[in-house]
Amino acid sequence: IDDSDSSNYNQIIQEKDQTRFKSFEFMRREDDLYRLGIVVRHNDNNVKGRGSCIFIHVQKGVDSPTAGCTSFHKDKLLKIMRWLKKESHPLLLQLPKRYLQDGFE
């Protein structure tokens, strides 16, 4: 729920009444972009206006933008998911492409 006026702001919930919120996103979609994913902890205290629910999910296309999330080709996402360990307290760090060194992926 990304409706900052809702008591469910920045939460993933199951809800059948779509009229309760001004803004939200369906997680079960026909395009399967969220079939695999990682929840990025962000705004844990649900502070209004500080952003909501960020995910790492399946990429729609090579040059397709996201609305604040990060996306990868399904194979790369699976590789990250196998490598990722919650107990290691991972940190998501994002840099513009121009800062990447040759061969780094």
PDB file of N, CA and C in Angstrom:
ATOM      1  N   ILE A   1       0.859  -1.172   0.000  1.00  0.00           N
ATOM      2  CA  ILE A   1       0.000   0.000   0.000  1.00  0.00           C
ATOM      3  C   ILE A   1       0.904   1.233   0.000  1.00  0.00           C
ATOM      4  N   ASP A   2       0.790   2.066  -1.018  1.00  0.00           N
ATOM      5  CA  ASP A   2       1.590   3.295  -1.032  1.00  0.00           C
ATOM      6  C   ASP A   2       0.732   4.546  -0.837  1.00  0.00           C
ATOM      7  N   ASP A   3      -0.462   4.352  -0.313  1.00  0.00           N
ATOM      8  CA  ASP A   3      -1.341   5.449   0.090  1.00  0.00           C
ATOM      9  C   ASP A   3      -0.893   5.903   1.475  1.00  0.00           C
ATOM     10  N   SER A   4      -0.202   7.039   1.535  1.00  0.00           N
ATOM     11  CA  SER A   4       0.385   7.470   2.812  1.00  0.00           C
ATOM     12  C   SER A   4      -0.650   7.893   3.850  1.00  0.00           C
ATOM     13  N   ASP A   5      -1.907   8.034   3.449  1.00  0.00           N
ATOM     14  CA  ASP A   5      -2.965   8.344   4.416  1.00  0.00           C
ATOM     15  C   ASP A   5      -3.591   7.094   5.028  1.00  0.00           C
ATOM     16  N   SER A   6      -3.196   5.933   4.550  1.00  0.00           N
ATOM     17  CA  SER A   6      -3.765   4.676   5.031  1.00  0.00           C
ATOM     18  C   SER A   6      -3.015   4.167   6.255  1.00  0.00           C
ATOM     19  N   SER A   7      -3.738   3.509   7.142  1.00  0.00           N
ATOM     20  CA  SER A   7      -3.088   2.862   8.292  1.00  0.00           C
ATOM     21  C   SER A   7      -2.259   1.660   7.834  1.00  0.00           C
ATOM     22  N   ASN A   8      -2.449   1.224   6.594  1.00  0.00           N
ATOM     23  CA  ASN A   8      -1.684   0.111   6.019  1.00  0.00           C
ATOM     24  C   ASN A   8      -0.526   0.585   5.146  1.00  0.00           C
ATOM     25  N   TYR A   9      -0.186   1.876   5.231  1.00  0.00           N
ATOM     26  CA  TYR A   9       0.904   2.446   4.427  1.00  0.00           C
ATOM     27  C   TYR A   9       2.188   1.629   4.585  1.00  0.00           C
ATOM     28  N   ASN A  10       2.850   1.377   3.469  1.00  0.00           N
ATOM     29  CA  ASN A  10       4.136   0.674   3.434  1.00  0.00           C
ATOM     30  C   ASN A  10       4.027  -0.754   3.966  1.00  0.00           C
ATOM     31  N   GLN A  11       2.887  -1.386   3.763  1.00  0.00           N
ATOM     32  CA  GLN A  11       2.695  -2.761   4.197  1.00  0.00           C
ATOM     33  C   GLN A  11       2.185  -3.600   3.027  1.00  0.00           C
ATOM     34  N   ILE A  12       2.529  -4.866   3.068  1.00  0.00           N
ATOM     35  CA  ILE A  12       2.023  -5.823   2.087  1.00  0.00           C
ATOM     36  C   ILE A  12       0.865  -6.538   2.755  1.00  0.00           C
ATOM     37  N   ILE A  13      -0.312  -6.401   2.185  1.00  0.00           N
ATOM     38  CA  ILE A  13      -1.504  -7.012   2.774  1.00  0.00           C
ATOM     39  C   ILE A  13      -2.318  -7.711   1.691  1.00  0.00           C
ATOM     40  N   GLN A  14      -3.239  -8.544   2.116  1.00  0.00           N
ATOM     41  CA  GLN A  14      -4.217  -9.121   1.202  1.00  0.00           C
ATOM     42  C   GLN A  14      -5.501  -8.327   1.381  1.00  0.00           C
ATOM     43  N   GLU A  15      -5.997  -7.794   0.287  1.00  0.00           N
ATOM     44  CA  GLU A  15      -7.176  -6.940   0.357  1.00  0.00           C
ATOM     45  C   GLU A  15      -8.019  -7.116  -0.890  1.00  0.00           C
ATOM     46  N   LYS A  16      -9.284  -7.388  -0.690  1.00  0.00           N
ATOM     47  CA  LYS A  16     -10.194  -7.541  -1.827  1.00  0.00           C
ATOM     48  C   LYS A  16     -10.877  -6.230  -2.188  1.00  0.00           C
ATOM     49  N   ASP A  17     -11.043  -5.331  -1.216  1.00  0.00           N
ATOM     50  CA  ASP A  17     -11.714  -4.055  -1.450  1.00  0.00           C
ATOM     51  C   ASP A  17     -10.708  -3.026  -1.966  1.00  0.00           C
ATOM     52  N   GLN A  18     -10.615  -2.891  -3.277  1.00  0.00           N
ATOM     53  CA  GLN A  18      -9.650  -1.996  -3.908  1.00  0.00           C
ATOM     54  C   GLN A  18      -9.993  -0.525  -3.718  1.00  0.00           C
ATOM     55  N   THR A  19     -11.189  -0.225  -3.264  1.00  0.00           N
ATOM     56  CA  THR A  19     -11.596   1.168  -3.104  1.00  0.00           C
ATOM     57  C   THR A  19     -11.105   1.776  -1.788  1.00  0.00           C
ATOM     58  N   ARG A  20     -10.530   0.963  -0.911  1.00  0.00           N
ATOM     59  CA  ARG A  20     -10.082   1.459   0.398  1.00  0.00           C
ATOM     60  C   ARG A  20      -8.842   2.341   0.311  1.00  0.00           C
ATOM     61  N   PHE A  21      -8.080   2.229  -0.781  1.00  0.00           N
ATOM     62  CA  PHE A  21      -6.794   2.917  -0.880  1.00  0.00           C
ATOM     63  C   PHE A  21      -6.727   3.805  -2.117  1.00  0.00           C
ATOM     64  N   LYS A  22      -6.075   4.951  -1.963  1.00  0.00           N
ATOM     65  CA  LYS A  22      -5.867   5.848  -3.100  1.00  0.00           C
ATOM     66  C   LYS A  22      -4.783   5.309  -4.024  1.00  0.00           C
ATOM     67  N   SER A  23      -3.830   4.579  -3.461  1.00  0.00           N
ATOM     68  CA  SER A  23      -2.710   4.100  -4.254  1.00  0.00           C
ATOM     69  C   SER A  23      -2.189   2.781  -3.683  1.00  0.00           C
ATOM     70  N   PHE A  24      -2.027   1.800  -4.555  1.00  0.00           N
ATOM     71  CA  PHE A  24      -1.531   0.489  -4.159  1.00  0.00           C
ATOM     72  C   PHE A  24      -1.044  -0.221  -5.418  1.00  0.00           C
ATOM     73  N   GLU A  25      -0.431  -1.367  -5.228  1.00  0.00           N
ATOM     74  CA  GLU A  25       0.036  -2.142  -6.370  1.00  0.00           C
ATOM     75  C   GLU A  25      -0.331  -3.605  -6.176  1.00  0.00           C
ATOM     76  N   PHE A  26      -0.792  -4.218  -7.246  1.00  0.00           N
ATOM     77  CA  PHE A  26      -1.084  -5.648  -7.220  1.00  0.00           C
ATOM     78  C   PHE A  26       0.223  -6.431  -7.273  1.00  0.00           C
ATOM     79  N   MET A  27       0.379  -7.392  -6.391  1.00  0.00           N
ATOM     80  CA  MET A  27       1.573  -8.231  -6.387  1.00  0.00           C
ATOM     81  C   MET A  27       1.386  -9.470  -7.267  1.00  0.00           C
ATOM     82  N   ARG A  28       0.179  -9.947  -7.361  1.00  0.00           N
ATOM     83  CA  ARG A  28      -0.122 -11.092  -8.230  1.00  0.00           C
ATOM     84  C   ARG A  28      -0.575 -10.535  -9.567  1.00  0.00           C
ATOM     85  N   ARG A  29       0.351 -10.566 -10.521  1.00  0.00           N
ATOM     86  CA  ARG A  29       0.107  -9.956 -11.822  1.00  0.00           C
ATOM     87  C   ARG A  29       0.277 -10.983 -12.927  1.00  0.00           C
ATOM     88  N   GLU A  30      -0.384 -10.743 -14.020  1.00  0.00           N
ATOM     89  CA  GLU A  30      -0.281 -11.664 -15.153  1.00  0.00           C
ATOM     90  C   GLU A  30       1.100 -11.646 -15.794  1.00  0.00           C
ATOM     91  N   ASP A  31       1.844 -10.535 -15.670  1.00  0.00           N
ATOM     92  CA  ASP A  31       3.165 -10.458 -16.293  1.00  0.00           C
ATOM     93  C   ASP A  31       4.264 -11.116 -15.446  1.00  0.00           C
ATOM     94  N   ASP A  32       3.937 -11.615 -14.270  1.00  0.00           N
ATOM     95  CA  ASP A  32       4.861 -12.345 -13.391  1.00  0.00           C
ATOM     96  C   ASP A  32       6.081 -11.534 -12.934  1.00  0.00           C
ATOM     97  N   LEU A  33       6.025 -10.204 -12.995  1.00  0.00           N
ATOM     98  CA  LEU A  33       7.165  -9.402 -12.555  1.00  0.00           C
ATOM     99  C   LEU A  33       7.477  -9.599 -11.080  1.00  0.00           C
ATOM    100  N   TYR A  34       6.461  -9.941 -10.291  1.00  0.00           N
ATOM    101  CA  TYR A  34       6.660 -10.126  -8.851  1.00  0.00           C
ATOM    102  C   TYR A  34       6.604 -11.598  -8.444  1.00  0.00           C
ATOM    103  N   ARG A  35       6.648 -12.487  -9.404  1.00  0.00           N
ATOM    104  CA  ARG A  35       6.611 -13.917  -9.062  1.00  0.00           C
ATOM    105  C   ARG A  35       7.822 -14.297  -8.205  1.00  0.00           C
ATOM    106  N   LEU A  36       8.955 -13.705  -8.510  1.00  0.00           N
ATOM    107  CA  LEU A  36      10.170 -13.839  -7.697  1.00  0.00           C
ATOM    108  C   LEU A  36      10.524 -12.452  -7.197  1.00  0.00           C
ATOM    109  N   GLY A  37      10.994 -12.361  -5.991  1.00  0.00           N
ATOM    110  CA  GLY A  37      11.374 -11.039  -5.530  1.00  0.00           C
ATOM    111  C   GLY A  37      11.978 -11.032  -4.148  1.00  0.00           C
ATOM    112  N   ILE A  38      12.557  -9.903  -3.837  1.00  0.00           N
ATOM    113  CA  ILE A  38      13.182  -9.659  -2.549  1.00  0.00           C
ATOM    114  C   ILE A  38      12.582  -8.364  -1.998  1.00  0.00           C
ATOM    115  N   VAL A  39      12.144  -8.387  -0.766  1.00  0.00           N
ATOM    116  CA  VAL A  39      11.631  -7.178  -0.124  1.00  0.00           C
ATOM    117  C   VAL A  39      12.819  -6.416   0.448  1.00  0.00           C
ATOM    118  N   VAL A  40      12.954  -5.155   0.054  1.00  0.00           N
ATOM    119  CA  VAL A  40      14.022  -4.293   0.566  1.00  0.00           C
ATOM    120  C   VAL A  40      13.444  -3.514   1.743  1.00  0.00           C
ATOM    121  N   ARG A  41      14.022  -3.697   2.918  1.00  0.00           N
ATOM    122  CA  ARG A  41      13.519  -2.973   4.085  1.00  0.00           C
ATOM    123  C   ARG A  41      13.760  -1.485   3.880  1.00  0.00           C
ATOM    124  N   HIS A  42      12.676  -0.743   3.965  1.00  0.00           N
ATOM    125  CA  HIS A  42      12.732   0.694   3.732  1.00  0.00           C
ATOM    126  C   HIS A  42      11.606   1.344   4.521  1.00  0.00           C
ATOM    127  N   ASN A  43      11.902   2.420   5.199  1.00  0.00           N
ATOM    128  CA  ASN A  43      10.897   3.153   5.964  1.00  0.00           C
ATOM    129  C   ASN A  43      10.164   2.220   6.932  1.00  0.00           C
ATOM    130  N   ASP A  44      10.940   1.518   7.736  1.00  0.00           N
ATOM    131  CA  ASP A  44      10.381   0.538   8.678  1.00  0.00           C
ATOM    132  C   ASP A  44       9.333   1.105   9.627  1.00  0.00           C
ATOM    133  N   ASN A  45       9.408   2.381   9.911  1.00  0.00           N
ATOM    134  CA  ASN A  45       8.443   3.005  10.824  1.00  0.00           C
ATOM    135  C   ASN A  45       7.224   3.565  10.092  1.00  0.00           C
ATOM    136  N   ASN A  46       7.131   3.306   8.801  1.00  0.00           N
ATOM    137  CA  ASN A  46       5.985   3.736   7.983  1.00  0.00           C
ATOM    138  C   ASN A  46       5.717   5.237   8.093  1.00  0.00           C
ATOM    139  N   VAL A  47       6.775   6.036   8.041  1.00  0.00           N
ATOM    140  CA  VAL A  47       6.643   7.487   8.130  1.00  0.00           C
ATOM    141  C   VAL A  47       6.046   8.015   6.824  1.00  0.00           C
ATOM    142  N   LYS A  48       4.952   8.725   6.966  1.00  0.00           N
ATOM    143  CA  LYS A  48       4.221   9.274   5.823  1.00  0.00           C
ATOM    144  C   LYS A  48       5.144  10.088   4.904  1.00  0.00           C
ATOM    145  N   GLY A  49       5.088   9.781   3.612  1.00  0.00           N
ATOM    146  CA  GLY A  49       5.857  10.525   2.621  1.00  0.00           C
ATOM    147  C   GLY A  49       7.299  10.102   2.446  1.00  0.00           C
ATOM    148  N   ARG A  50       7.753   9.100   3.182  1.00  0.00           N
ATOM    149  CA  ARG A  50       9.144   8.655   3.071  1.00  0.00           C
ATOM    150  C   ARG A  50       9.324   7.468   2.138  1.00  0.00           C
ATOM    151  N   GLY A  51       8.284   7.098   1.451  1.00  0.00           N
ATOM    152  CA  GLY A  51       8.385   6.003   0.485  1.00  0.00           C
ATOM    153  C   GLY A  51       7.885   4.699   1.064  1.00  0.00           C
ATOM    154  N   SER A  52       7.459   3.839   0.153  1.00  0.00           N
ATOM    155  CA  SER A  52       6.883   2.569   0.593  1.00  0.00           C
ATOM    156  C   SER A  52       7.371   1.419  -0.259  1.00  0.00           C
ATOM    157  N   CYS A  53       7.341   0.267   0.324  1.00  0.00           N
ATOM    158  CA  CYS A  53       7.596  -1.028  -0.311  1.00  0.00           C
ATOM    159  C   CYS A  53       8.497  -0.988  -1.539  1.00  0.00           C
ATOM    160  N   ILE A  54       9.748  -1.246  -1.324  1.00  0.00           N
ATOM    161  CA  ILE A  54      10.714  -1.349  -2.417  1.00  0.00           C
ATOM    162  C   ILE A  54      11.070  -2.820  -2.576  1.00  0.00           C
ATOM    163  N   PHE A  55      11.115  -3.259  -3.820  1.00  0.00           N
ATOM    164  CA  PHE A  55      11.405  -4.661  -4.120  1.00  0.00           C
ATOM    165  C   PHE A  55      12.528  -4.780  -5.138  1.00  0.00           C
ATOM    166  N   ILE A  56      13.166  -5.914  -5.122  1.00  0.00           N
ATOM    167  CA  ILE A  56      14.019  -6.347  -6.228  1.00  0.00           C
ATOM    168  C   ILE A  56      13.200  -7.433  -6.898  1.00  0.00           C
ATOM    169  N   HIS A  57      12.871  -7.237  -8.159  1.00  0.00           N
ATOM    170  CA  HIS A  57      11.958  -8.163  -8.829  1.00  0.00           C
ATOM    171  C   HIS A  57      12.394  -8.443 -10.266  1.00  0.00           C
ATOM    172  N   VAL A  58      11.628  -9.265 -10.937  1.00  0.00           N
ATOM    173  CA  VAL A  58      11.933  -9.671 -12.315  1.00  0.00           C
ATOM    174  C   VAL A  58      11.810  -8.463 -13.240  1.00  0.00           C
ATOM    175  N   GLN A  59      12.755  -8.367 -14.146  1.00  0.00           N
ATOM    176  CA  GLN A  59      12.828  -7.273 -15.105  1.00  0.00           C
ATOM    177  C   GLN A  59      11.799  -7.421 -16.218  1.00  0.00           C
ATOM    178  N   LYS A  60      11.121  -6.338 -16.541  1.00  0.00           N
ATOM    179  CA  LYS A  60      10.157  -6.351 -17.644  1.00  0.00           C
ATOM    180  C   LYS A  60      10.874  -6.374 -18.990  1.00  0.00           C
ATOM    181  N   GLY A  61      11.917  -5.587 -19.112  1.00  0.00           N
ATOM    182  CA  GLY A  61      12.719  -5.517 -20.327  1.00  0.00           C
ATOM    183  C   GLY A  61      14.032  -4.843 -20.016  1.00  0.00           C
ATOM    184  N   VAL A  62      14.996  -4.961 -20.906  1.00  0.00           N
ATOM    185  CA  VAL A  62      16.343  -4.438 -20.662  1.00  0.00           C
ATOM    186  C   VAL A  62      16.339  -2.953 -20.309  1.00  0.00           C
ATOM    187  N   ASP A  63      15.562  -2.162 -21.002  1.00  0.00           N
ATOM    188  CA  ASP A  63      15.540  -0.719 -20.758  1.00  0.00           C
ATOM    189  C   ASP A  63      14.246  -0.245 -20.103  1.00  0.00           C
ATOM    190  N   SER A  64      13.502  -1.166 -19.489  1.00  0.00           N
ATOM    191  CA  SER A  64      12.242  -0.798 -18.858  1.00  0.00           C
ATOM    192  C   SER A  64      12.484  -0.224 -17.468  1.00  0.00           C
ATOM    193  N   PRO A  65      11.936   0.954 -17.196  1.00  0.00           N
ATOM    194  CA  PRO A  65      12.114   1.559 -15.872  1.00  0.00           C
ATOM    195  C   PRO A  65      11.220   0.880 -14.834  1.00  0.00           C
ATOM    196  N   THR A  66      11.515   1.141 -13.576  1.00  0.00           N
ATOM    197  CA  THR A  66      10.651   0.712 -12.472  1.00  0.00           C
ATOM    198  C   THR A  66      10.190   1.971 -11.751  1.00  0.00           C
ATOM    199  N   ALA A  67       9.277   1.810 -10.829  1.00  0.00           N
ATOM    200  CA  ALA A  67       8.789   2.953 -10.047  1.00  0.00           C
ATOM    201  C   ALA A  67       9.447   2.946  -8.670  1.00  0.00           C
ATOM    202  N   GLY A  68      10.765   2.902  -8.651  1.00  0.00           N
ATOM    203  CA  GLY A  68      11.493   2.921  -7.388  1.00  0.00           C
ATOM    204  C   GLY A  68      12.112   1.598  -7.001  1.00  0.00           C
ATOM    205  N   CYS A  69      11.724   0.537  -7.655  1.00  0.00           N
ATOM    206  CA  CYS A  69      12.286  -0.783  -7.375  1.00  0.00           C
ATOM    207  C   CYS A  69      13.546  -1.004  -8.198  1.00  0.00           C
ATOM    208  N   THR A  70      14.140  -2.160  -8.030  1.00  0.00           N
ATOM    209  CA  THR A  70      15.268  -2.597  -8.838  1.00  0.00           C
ATOM    210  C   THR A  70      14.857  -3.891  -9.502  1.00  0.00           C
ATOM    211  N   SER A  71      15.191  -4.042 -10.765  1.00  0.00           N
ATOM    212  CA  SER A  71      14.796  -5.268 -11.463  1.00  0.00           C
ATOM    213  C   SER A  71      15.989  -5.900 -12.159  1.00  0.00           C
ATOM    214  N   PHE A  72      15.938  -7.215 -12.271  1.00  0.00           N
ATOM    215  CA  PHE A  72      16.976  -8.006 -12.924  1.00  0.00           C
ATOM    216  C   PHE A  72      16.322  -9.041 -13.825  1.00  0.00           C
ATOM    217  N   HIS A  73      17.080  -9.495 -14.802  1.00  0.00           N
ATOM    218  CA  HIS A  73      16.638 -10.649 -15.585  1.00  0.00           C
ATOM    219  C   HIS A  73      16.407 -11.796 -14.598  1.00  0.00           C
ATOM    220  N   LYS A  74      15.431 -12.621 -14.877  1.00  0.00           N
ATOM    221  CA  LYS A  74      15.039 -13.697 -13.961  1.00  0.00           C
ATOM    222  C   LYS A  74      16.222 -14.553 -13.513  1.00  0.00           C
ATOM    223  N   ASP A  75      17.124 -14.915 -14.441  1.00  0.00           N
ATOM    224  CA  ASP A  75      18.281 -15.754 -14.087  1.00  0.00           C
ATOM    225  C   ASP A  75      19.211 -15.057 -13.090  1.00  0.00           C
ATOM    226  N   LYS A  76      19.463 -13.766 -13.290  1.00  0.00           N
ATOM    227  CA  LYS A  76      20.315 -13.022 -12.356  1.00  0.00           C
ATOM    228  C   LYS A  76      19.638 -12.871 -10.995  1.00  0.00           C
ATOM    229  N   LEU A  77      18.331 -12.637 -11.016  1.00  0.00           N
ATOM    230  CA  LEU A  77      17.594 -12.513  -9.752  1.00  0.00           C
ATOM    231  C   LEU A  77      17.658 -13.815  -8.962  1.00  0.00           C
ATOM    232  N   LEU A  78      17.493 -14.933  -9.640  1.00  0.00           N
ATOM    233  CA  LEU A  78      17.601 -16.236  -8.963  1.00  0.00           C
ATOM    234  C   LEU A  78      18.992 -16.434  -8.364  1.00  0.00           C
ATOM    235  N   LYS A  79      20.014 -16.026  -9.079  1.00  0.00           N
ATOM    236  CA  LYS A  79      21.387 -16.137  -8.577  1.00  0.00           C
ATOM    237  C   LYS A  79      21.572 -15.300  -7.309  1.00  0.00           C
ATOM    238  N   ILE A  80      21.033 -14.080  -7.314  1.00  0.00           N
ATOM    239  CA  ILE A  80      21.109 -13.211  -6.136  1.00  0.00           C
ATOM    240  C   ILE A  80      20.348 -13.824  -4.973  1.00  0.00           C
ATOM    241  N   MET A  81      19.161 -14.349  -5.245  1.00  0.00           N
ATOM    242  CA  MET A  81      18.331 -14.935  -4.185  1.00  0.00           C
ATOM    243  C   MET A  81      19.021 -16.142  -3.548  1.00  0.00           C
ATOM    244  N   ARG A  82      19.730 -16.929  -4.334  1.00  0.00           N
ATOM    245  CA  ARG A  82      20.463 -18.082  -3.781  1.00  0.00           C
ATOM    246  C   ARG A  82      21.644 -17.639  -2.933  1.00  0.00           C
ATOM    247  N   TRP A  83      22.265 -16.530  -3.302  1.00  0.00           N
ATOM    248  CA  TRP A  83      23.448 -16.021  -2.621  1.00  0.00           C
ATOM    249  C   TRP A  83      23.097 -15.254  -1.349  1.00  0.00           C
ATOM    250  N   LEU A  84      21.986 -14.550  -1.357  1.00  0.00           N
ATOM    251  CA  LEU A  84      21.605 -13.649  -0.287  1.00  0.00           C
ATOM    252  C   LEU A  84      21.340 -14.395   1.024  1.00  0.00           C
ATOM    253  N   LYS A  85      21.885 -13.872   2.103  1.00  0.00           N
ATOM    254  CA  LYS A  85      21.691 -14.448   3.436  1.00  0.00           C
ATOM    255  C   LYS A  85      21.230 -13.347   4.383  1.00  0.00           C
ATOM    256  N   LYS A  86      20.013 -13.472   4.900  1.00  0.00           N
ATOM    257  CA  LYS A  86      19.444 -12.455   5.793  1.00  0.00           C
ATOM    258  C   LYS A  86      20.341 -12.212   7.009  1.00  0.00           C
ATOM    259  N   GLU A  87      20.912 -13.276   7.546  1.00  0.00           N
ATOM    260  CA  GLU A  87      21.742 -13.142   8.751  1.00  0.00           C
ATOM    261  C   GLU A  87      23.037 -12.365   8.502  1.00  0.00           C
ATOM    262  N   SER A  88      23.389 -12.126   7.246  1.00  0.00           N
ATOM    263  CA  SER A  88      24.568 -11.319   6.914  1.00  0.00           C
ATOM    264  C   SER A  88      24.244  -9.827   6.880  1.00  0.00           C
ATOM    265  N   HIS A  89      22.979  -9.478   7.113  1.00  0.00           N
ATOM    266  CA  HIS A  89      22.528  -8.088   7.114  1.00  0.00           C
ATOM    267  C   HIS A  89      22.933  -7.365   5.830  1.00  0.00           C
ATOM    268  N   PRO A  90      22.435  -7.846   4.702  1.00  0.00           N
ATOM    269  CA  PRO A  90      22.818  -7.252   3.419  1.00  0.00           C
ATOM    270  C   PRO A  90      22.357  -5.800   3.292  1.00  0.00           C
ATOM    271  N   LEU A  91      23.067  -5.051   2.471  1.00  0.00           N
ATOM    272  CA  LEU A  91      22.770  -3.648   2.225  1.00  0.00           C
ATOM    273  C   LEU A  91      22.653  -3.456   0.718  1.00  0.00           C
ATOM    274  N   LEU A  92      21.580  -2.843   0.276  1.00  0.00           N
ATOM    275  CA  LEU A  92      21.396  -2.560  -1.145  1.00  0.00           C
ATOM    276  C   LEU A  92      22.048  -1.221  -1.447  1.00  0.00           C
ATOM    277  N   LEU A  93      23.043  -1.248  -2.310  1.00  0.00           N
ATOM    278  CA  LEU A  93      23.758  -0.050  -2.721  1.00  0.00           C
ATOM    279  C   LEU A  93      23.600   0.070  -4.227  1.00  0.00           C
ATOM    280  N   GLN A  94      23.095   1.197  -4.689  1.00  0.00           N
ATOM    281  CA  GLN A  94      22.862   1.370  -6.112  1.00  0.00           C
ATOM    282  C   GLN A  94      23.664   2.549  -6.638  1.00  0.00           C
ATOM    283  N   LEU A  95      24.346   2.302  -7.741  1.00  0.00           N
ATOM    284  CA  LEU A  95      25.176   3.323  -8.374  1.00  0.00           C
ATOM    285  C   LEU A  95      24.800   3.446  -9.840  1.00  0.00           C
ATOM    286  N   PRO A  96      24.999   4.620 -10.424  1.00  0.00           N
ATOM    287  CA  PRO A  96      24.764   4.745 -11.862  1.00  0.00           C
ATOM    288  C   PRO A  96      25.708   3.828 -12.649  1.00  0.00           C
ATOM    289  N   LYS A  97      25.241   3.393 -13.786  1.00  0.00           N
ATOM    290  CA  LYS A  97      25.985   2.451 -14.622  1.00  0.00           C
ATOM    291  C   LYS A  97      27.395   2.947 -14.942  1.00  0.00           C
ATOM    292  N   ARG A  98      27.571   4.245 -15.089  1.00  0.00           N
ATOM    293  CA  ARG A  98      28.880   4.779 -15.474  1.00  0.00           C
ATOM    294  C   ARG A  98      29.966   4.491 -14.430  1.00  0.00           C
ATOM    295  N   TYR A  99      29.573   4.148 -13.204  1.00  0.00           N
ATOM    296  CA  TYR A  99      30.552   3.849 -12.162  1.00  0.00           C
ATOM    297  C   TYR A  99      30.991   2.383 -12.159  1.00  0.00           C
ATOM    298  N   LEU A 100      30.359   1.569 -12.967  1.00  0.00           N
ATOM    299  CA  LEU A 100      30.727   0.156 -13.004  1.00  0.00           C
ATOM    300  C   LEU A 100      32.030  -0.039 -13.765  1.00  0.00           C
ATOM    301  N   GLN A 101      32.855  -0.929 -13.275  1.00  0.00           N
ATOM    302  CA  GLN A 101      34.094  -1.273 -13.958  1.00  0.00           C
ATOM    303  C   GLN A 101      33.795  -2.318 -15.022  1.00  0.00           C
ATOM    304  N   ASP A 102      34.635  -2.367 -16.046  1.00  0.00           N
ATOM    305  CA  ASP A 102      34.458  -3.384 -17.094  1.00  0.00           C
ATOM    306  C   ASP A 102      34.416  -4.768 -16.482  1.00  0.00           C
ATOM    307  N   GLY A 103      33.425  -5.531 -16.890  1.00  0.00           N
ATOM    308  CA  GLY A 103      33.326  -6.920 -16.450  1.00  0.00           C
ATOM    309  C   GLY A 103      32.605  -7.113 -15.123  1.00  0.00           C
ATOM    310  N   PHE A 104      32.296  -6.044 -14.412  1.00  0.00           N
ATOM    311  CA  PHE A 104      31.614  -6.185 -13.130  1.00  0.00           C
ATOM    312  C   PHE A 104      30.118  -6.325 -13.364  1.00  0.00           C
ATOM    313  N   GLU A 105      29.531  -7.399 -12.881  1.00  0.00           N
ATOM    314  CA  GLU A 105      28.083  -7.601 -12.985  1.00  0.00           C
ATOM    315  C   GLU A 105      27.595  -8.327 -11.770  1.00  0.00           C
TER     316      GLU A 105
END
